[in-house]
C-alpha cells in the first residue's frame, strides 16, 4: 500500500519495474560511499577505481529486492530512496545524495522497523558503511562490531549494528 509523506513523497513497496531505477540509485551513490569504505580508494588509478565500483555495485545490487520487504520513496515519478528488510537484516538503505537530510531515509527505515515489529522480530541488524553510522545511531542502533572484507584487492570496512525492538 502506498503512503504519501512530507513534500508529497510516496512510500510504497518495491515493484518489478523499480529494479533498474534502484540499481541506478545505488550506482549514483558509489562514488560518495567508496572513499568512506576503503582506505585504499584514494591511491587507486581510474581503472582500478572503476573495477572496484563495478564489483561493489554487483555486490550491493545482488540482493533480489523482489524477494524482500523493500520500500521505495518516489518523488515526481523518480525513486529517491530505498531500503529492504531481509529477515531481520536491514539492507540496501540508500537516499539520493541531493535529498539526504530531508527525512526520507528515516521514513523508509521506520516502515522497515514497523514491518519487523509486525513480523514479531525481537531485533534488527545491519552492516553500515562508515559514513552511515551516525544515521543508524540516531534511529536507535548500536555498534556490535566491525567487518572487513576483500573486494578486488581493496579492504572494505563496515560497522555491524543492532537494535532491539
C-alpha atoms as a PDB file:
ATOM      1  CA  UNK A   1       0.000   0.000   0.000  1.00  0.00           C
ATOM      2  CA  UNK A   2       1.382   3.384  -0.973  1.00  0.00           C
ATOM      3  CA  UNK A   3       1.527   6.164   1.540  1.00  0.00           C
ATOM      4  CA  UNK A   4       2.285   9.818   0.938  1.00  0.00           C
ATOM      5  CA  UNK A   5       4.761  11.575   3.211  1.00  0.00           C
ATOM      6  CA  UNK A   6       6.073  15.070   3.658  1.00  0.00           C
ATOM      7  CA  UNK A   7       6.549  17.008   0.422  1.00  0.00           C
ATOM      8  CA  UNK A   8       4.288  14.546  -1.459  1.00  0.00           C
ATOM      9  CA  UNK A   9       6.854  11.742  -1.440  1.00  0.00           C
ATOM     10  CA  UNK A  10       5.172   8.394  -1.997  1.00  0.00           C
ATOM     11  CA  UNK A  11       6.446   5.482   0.111  1.00  0.00           C
ATOM     12  CA  UNK A  12       5.445   2.139  -1.307  1.00  0.00           C
ATOM     13  CA  UNK A  13       6.588  -1.437  -1.695  1.00  0.00           C
ATOM     14  CA  UNK A  14       9.044  -2.298  -4.437  1.00  0.00           C
ATOM     15  CA  UNK A  15       7.612  -3.321  -7.820  1.00  0.00           C
ATOM     16  CA  UNK A  16       9.498  -5.270 -10.515  1.00  0.00           C
ATOM     17  CA  UNK A  17       9.702  -2.156 -12.700  1.00  0.00           C
ATOM     18  CA  UNK A  18      11.624  -0.433  -9.875  1.00  0.00           C
ATOM     19  CA  UNK A  19      14.659  -2.714 -10.319  1.00  0.00           C
ATOM     20  CA  UNK A  20      16.531  -0.548 -12.840  1.00  0.00           C
ATOM     21  CA  UNK A  21      15.826   2.804 -11.094  1.00  0.00           C
ATOM     22  CA  UNK A  22      17.001   1.228  -7.805  1.00  0.00           C
ATOM     23  CA  UNK A  23      20.187  -0.016  -9.465  1.00  0.00           C
ATOM     24  CA  UNK A  24      20.757   3.483 -10.861  1.00  0.00           C
ATOM     25  CA  UNK A  25      20.273   4.981  -7.395  1.00  0.00           C
ATOM     26  CA  UNK A  26      22.863   2.607  -5.919  1.00  0.00           C
ATOM     27  CA  UNK A  27      25.278   3.357  -8.764  1.00  0.00           C
ATOM     28  CA  UNK A  28      24.870   7.111  -8.303  1.00  0.00           C
ATOM     29  CA  UNK A  29      25.973   6.819  -4.664  1.00  0.00           C
ATOM     30  CA  UNK A  30      29.014   4.570  -5.120  1.00  0.00           C
ATOM     31  CA  UNK A  31      31.488   7.392  -5.719  1.00  0.00           C
ATOM     32  CA  UNK A  32      30.333   9.057  -2.491  1.00  0.00           C
ATOM     33  CA  UNK A  33      30.426   5.858  -0.438  1.00  0.00           C
ATOM     34  CA  UNK A  34      33.660   4.212  -1.553  1.00  0.00           C
ATOM     35  CA  UNK A  35      36.121   6.689  -0.023  1.00  0.00           C
ATOM     36  CA  UNK A  36      34.428   6.054   3.350  1.00  0.00           C
ATOM     37  CA  UNK A  37      34.551   2.271   2.950  1.00  0.00           C
ATOM     38  CA  UNK A  38      38.146   1.654   1.973  1.00  0.00           C
ATOM     39  CA  UNK A  39      41.382   3.359   2.921  1.00  0.00           C
ATOM     40  CA  UNK A  40      42.944   2.438  -0.409  1.00  0.00           C
ATOM     41  CA  UNK A  41      40.398   4.244  -2.610  1.00  0.00           C
ATOM     42  CA  UNK A  42      42.365   7.488  -2.949  1.00  0.00           C
ATOM     43  CA  UNK A  43      45.500   5.641  -4.044  1.00  0.00           C
ATOM     44  CA  UNK A  44      43.762   3.722  -6.862  1.00  0.00           C
ATOM     45  CA  UNK A  45      44.122   4.743 -10.504  1.00  0.00           C
ATOM     46  CA  UNK A  46      40.958   5.381 -12.558  1.00  0.00           C
ATOM     47  CA  UNK A  47      40.830   1.845 -13.976  1.00  0.00           C
ATOM     48  CA  UNK A  48      41.211   0.251 -10.538  1.00  0.00           C
ATOM     49  CA  UNK A  49      38.570   2.582  -9.084  1.00  0.00           C
ATOM     50  CA  UNK A  50      36.147   1.603 -11.845  1.00  0.00           C
ATOM     51  CA  UNK A  51      36.799  -2.111 -11.257  1.00  0.00           C
ATOM     52  CA  UNK A  52      36.184  -1.628  -7.536  1.00  0.00           C
ATOM     53  CA  UNK A  53      32.986   0.344  -8.224  1.00  0.00           C
ATOM     54  CA  UNK A  54      31.755  -2.344 -10.626  1.00  0.00           C
ATOM     55  CA  UNK A  55      32.469  -5.111  -8.108  1.00  0.00           C
ATOM     56  CA  UNK A  56      30.803  -3.193  -5.284  1.00  0.00           C
ATOM     57  CA  UNK A  57      27.781  -2.360  -7.426  1.00  0.00           C
ATOM     58  CA  UNK A  58      27.425  -6.034  -8.334  1.00  0.00           C
ATOM     59  CA  UNK A  59      27.676  -6.991  -4.654  1.00  0.00           C
ATOM     60  CA  UNK A  60      25.270  -4.270  -3.499  1.00  0.00           C
ATOM     61  CA  UNK A  61      22.617  -4.871  -6.104  1.00  0.00           C
ATOM     62  CA  UNK A  62      22.889  -8.655  -5.829  1.00  0.00           C
ATOM     63  CA  UNK A  63      20.063  -8.921  -3.301  1.00  0.00           C
ATOM     64  CA  UNK A  64      16.875  -9.736  -5.216  1.00  0.00           C
ATOM     65  CA  UNK A  65      14.704  -6.900  -3.917  1.00  0.00           C
ATOM     66  CA  UNK A  66      11.502  -8.569  -5.056  1.00  0.00           C
ATOM     67  CA  UNK A  67      12.111 -11.375  -2.524  1.00  0.00           C
ATOM     68  CA  UNK A  68      12.463  -8.996   0.432  1.00  0.00           C
ATOM     69  CA  UNK A  69      10.222  -6.441   2.081  1.00  0.00           C
ATOM     70  CA  UNK A  70      11.510  -3.429   0.152  1.00  0.00           C
ATOM     71  CA  UNK A  71      10.253   0.144   0.379  1.00  0.00           C
ATOM     72  CA  UNK A  72      10.940   2.794  -2.243  1.00  0.00           C
ATOM     73  CA  UNK A  73      10.457   6.543  -1.898  1.00  0.00           C
ATOM     74  CA  UNK A  74       9.104   8.106  -5.079  1.00  0.00           C
ATOM     75  CA  UNK A  75       9.043  11.833  -5.764  1.00  0.00           C
ATOM     76  CA  UNK A  76       7.663  13.163  -9.033  1.00  0.00           C
ATOM     77  CA  UNK A  77       7.923   9.697 -10.596  1.00  0.00           C
ATOM     78  CA  UNK A  78      11.590   9.185  -9.588  1.00  0.00           C
ATOM     79  CA  UNK A  79      12.899   6.803  -6.947  1.00  0.00           C
ATOM     80  CA  UNK A  80      14.815   8.970  -4.472  1.00  0.00           C
ATOM     81  CA  UNK A  81      15.310   6.378  -1.735  1.00  0.00           C
ATOM     82  CA  UNK A  82      15.031   2.715  -0.920  1.00  0.00           C
ATOM     83  CA  UNK A  83      15.524   0.197   1.856  1.00  0.00           C
ATOM     84  CA  UNK A  84      14.903  -3.517   2.370  1.00  0.00           C
ATOM     85  CA  UNK A  85      14.228  -5.875   5.258  1.00  0.00           C
ATOM     86  CA  UNK A  86      15.661  -9.340   4.588  1.00  0.00           C
ATOM     87  CA  UNK A  87      14.668 -11.497   7.559  1.00  0.00           C
ATOM     88  CA  UNK A  88      15.891  -9.379  10.466  1.00  0.00           C
ATOM     89  CA  UNK A  89      18.614  -7.650   8.461  1.00  0.00           C
ATOM     90  CA  UNK A  90      18.151  -4.113   7.149  1.00  0.00           C
ATOM     91  CA  UNK A  91      19.755  -3.873   3.720  1.00  0.00           C
ATOM     92  CA  UNK A  92      20.038  -1.550   0.752  1.00  0.00           C
ATOM     93  CA  UNK A  93      19.235   1.705   2.552  1.00  0.00           C
ATOM     94  CA  UNK A  94      20.015   4.453   0.054  1.00  0.00           C
ATOM     95  CA  UNK A  95      18.805   8.005  -0.447  1.00  0.00           C
ATOM     96  CA  UNK A  96      19.672  10.226  -3.391  1.00  0.00           C
ATOM     97  CA  UNK A  97      22.638  12.370  -2.351  1.00  0.00           C
ATOM     98  CA  UNK A  98      20.824  15.656  -3.086  1.00  0.00           C
ATOM     99  CA  UNK A  99      17.860  14.532  -0.966  1.00  0.00           C
ATOM    100  CA  UNK A 100      19.733  13.373   2.121  1.00  0.00           C
ATOM    101  CA  UNK A 101      18.785  15.230   5.287  1.00  0.00           C
ATOM    102  CA  UNK A 102      15.123  15.594   4.302  1.00  0.00           C
ATOM    103  CA  UNK A 103      13.872  12.695   6.431  1.00  0.00           C
ATOM    104  CA  UNK A 104      13.450  10.272   3.528  1.00  0.00           C
ATOM    105  CA  UNK A 105      15.843   7.688   4.966  1.00  0.00           C
ATOM    106  CA  UNK A 106      14.230   7.918   8.379  1.00  0.00           C
ATOM    107  CA  UNK A 107      10.757   7.446   6.869  1.00  0.00           C
ATOM    108  CA  UNK A 108      11.912   4.390   4.920  1.00  0.00           C
ATOM    109  CA  UNK A 109      13.637   2.944   7.983  1.00  0.00           C
ATOM    110  CA  UNK A 110      10.512   3.475  10.148  1.00  0.00           C
ATOM    111  CA  UNK A 111       8.482   1.444   7.646  1.00  0.00           C
ATOM    112  CA  UNK A 112      11.057  -1.362   7.723  1.00  0.00           C
ATOM    113  CA  UNK A 113      11.046  -1.317  11.526  1.00  0.00           C
ATOM    114  CA  UNK A 114       7.235  -1.394  11.609  1.00  0.00           C
ATOM    115  CA  UNK A 115       7.300  -4.443   9.329  1.00  0.00           C
ATOM    116  CA  UNK A 116       9.847  -6.112  11.615  1.00  0.00           C
ATOM    117  CA  UNK A 117       7.599  -5.496  14.616  1.00  0.00           C
ATOM    118  CA  UNK A 118       4.588  -6.783  12.667  1.00  0.00           C
ATOM    119  CA  UNK A 119       6.549  -9.985  11.990  1.00  0.00           C
ATOM    120  CA  UNK A 120       7.342 -10.338  15.686  1.00  0.00           C
ATOM    121  CA  UNK A 121      11.086  -9.774  15.347  1.00  0.00           C
ATOM    122  CA  UNK A 122      12.946  -9.060  18.580  1.00  0.00           C
ATOM    123  CA  UNK A 123      15.787  -7.149  16.927  1.00  0.00           C
ATOM    124  CA  UNK A 124      17.159  -5.806  13.668  1.00  0.00           C
ATOM    125  CA  UNK A 125      20.735  -5.955  12.407  1.00  0.00           C
ATOM    126  CA  UNK A 126      22.708  -4.309   9.631  1.00  0.00           C
ATOM    127  CA  UNK A 127      26.146  -3.670   8.179  1.00  0.00           C
ATOM    128  CA  UNK A 128      26.642   0.094   7.933  1.00  0.00           C
ATOM    129  CA  UNK A 129      29.120   1.900   5.754  1.00  0.00           C
ATOM    130  CA  UNK A 130      31.323   4.183   7.818  1.00  0.00           C
ATOM    131  CA  UNK A 131      29.523   7.312   6.584  1.00  0.00           C
ATOM    132  CA  UNK A 132      26.074   5.913   7.581  1.00  0.00           C
ATOM    133  CA  UNK A 133      26.863   5.028  11.218  1.00  0.00           C
ATOM    134  CA  UNK A 134      25.581   8.363  12.564  1.00  0.00           C
ATOM    135  CA  UNK A 135      22.238   7.956  10.796  1.00  0.00           C
ATOM    136  CA  UNK A 136      21.720   4.489  12.265  1.00  0.00           C
ATOM    137  CA  UNK A 137      22.727   5.641  15.740  1.00  0.00           C
ATOM    138  CA  UNK A 138      20.103   8.407  15.516  1.00  0.00           C
ATOM    139  CA  UNK A 139      17.380   5.805  14.833  1.00  0.00           C
ATOM    140  CA  UNK A 140      18.490   3.681  17.791  1.00  0.00           C
ATOM    141  CA  UNK A 141      21.104   1.225  16.515  1.00  0.00           C
ATOM    142  CA  UNK A 142      24.253   0.469  18.481  1.00  0.00           C
ATOM    143  CA  UNK A 143      27.618  -0.828  17.294  1.00  0.00           C
ATOM    144  CA  UNK A 144      28.218  -4.541  17.775  1.00  0.00           C
ATOM    145  CA  UNK A 145      31.455  -4.961  15.835  1.00  0.00           C
ATOM    146  CA  UNK A 146      33.264  -4.316  12.603  1.00  0.00           C
ATOM    147  CA  UNK A 147      33.621  -6.377   9.464  1.00  0.00           C
ATOM    148  CA  UNK A 148      36.270  -6.065   6.790  1.00  0.00           C
ATOM    149  CA  UNK A 149      36.273  -7.898   3.502  1.00  0.00           C
ATOM    150  CA  UNK A 150      38.414  -8.004   0.403  1.00  0.00           C
ATOM    151  CA  UNK A 151      36.808  -6.668  -2.748  1.00  0.00           C
ATOM    152  CA  UNK A 152      39.046  -6.833  -5.807  1.00  0.00           C
ATOM    153  CA  UNK A 153      42.130  -6.338  -3.669  1.00  0.00           C
ATOM    154  CA  UNK A 154      40.752  -3.451  -1.618  1.00  0.00           C
ATOM    155  CA  UNK A 155      39.769  -3.858   2.004  1.00  0.00           C
ATOM    156  CA  UNK A 156      36.222  -2.601   2.616  1.00  0.00           C
ATOM    157  CA  UNK A 157      35.091  -1.782   6.156  1.00  0.00           C
ATOM    158  CA  UNK A 158      31.581  -1.946   7.587  1.00  0.00           C
ATOM    159  CA  UNK A 159      30.278  -1.411  11.098  1.00  0.00           C
ATOM    160  CA  UNK A 160      27.998  -4.145  12.428  1.00  0.00           C
ATOM    161  CA  UNK A 161      24.992  -2.675  14.245  1.00  0.00           C
ATOM    162  CA  UNK A 162      21.878  -3.960  16.007  1.00  0.00           C
ATOM    163  CA  UNK A 163      18.731  -2.599  17.595  1.00  0.00           C
ATOM    164  CA  UNK A 164      16.286  -4.300  19.949  1.00  0.00           C
ATOM    165  CA  UNK A 165      12.630  -3.847  19.009  1.00  0.00           C
END
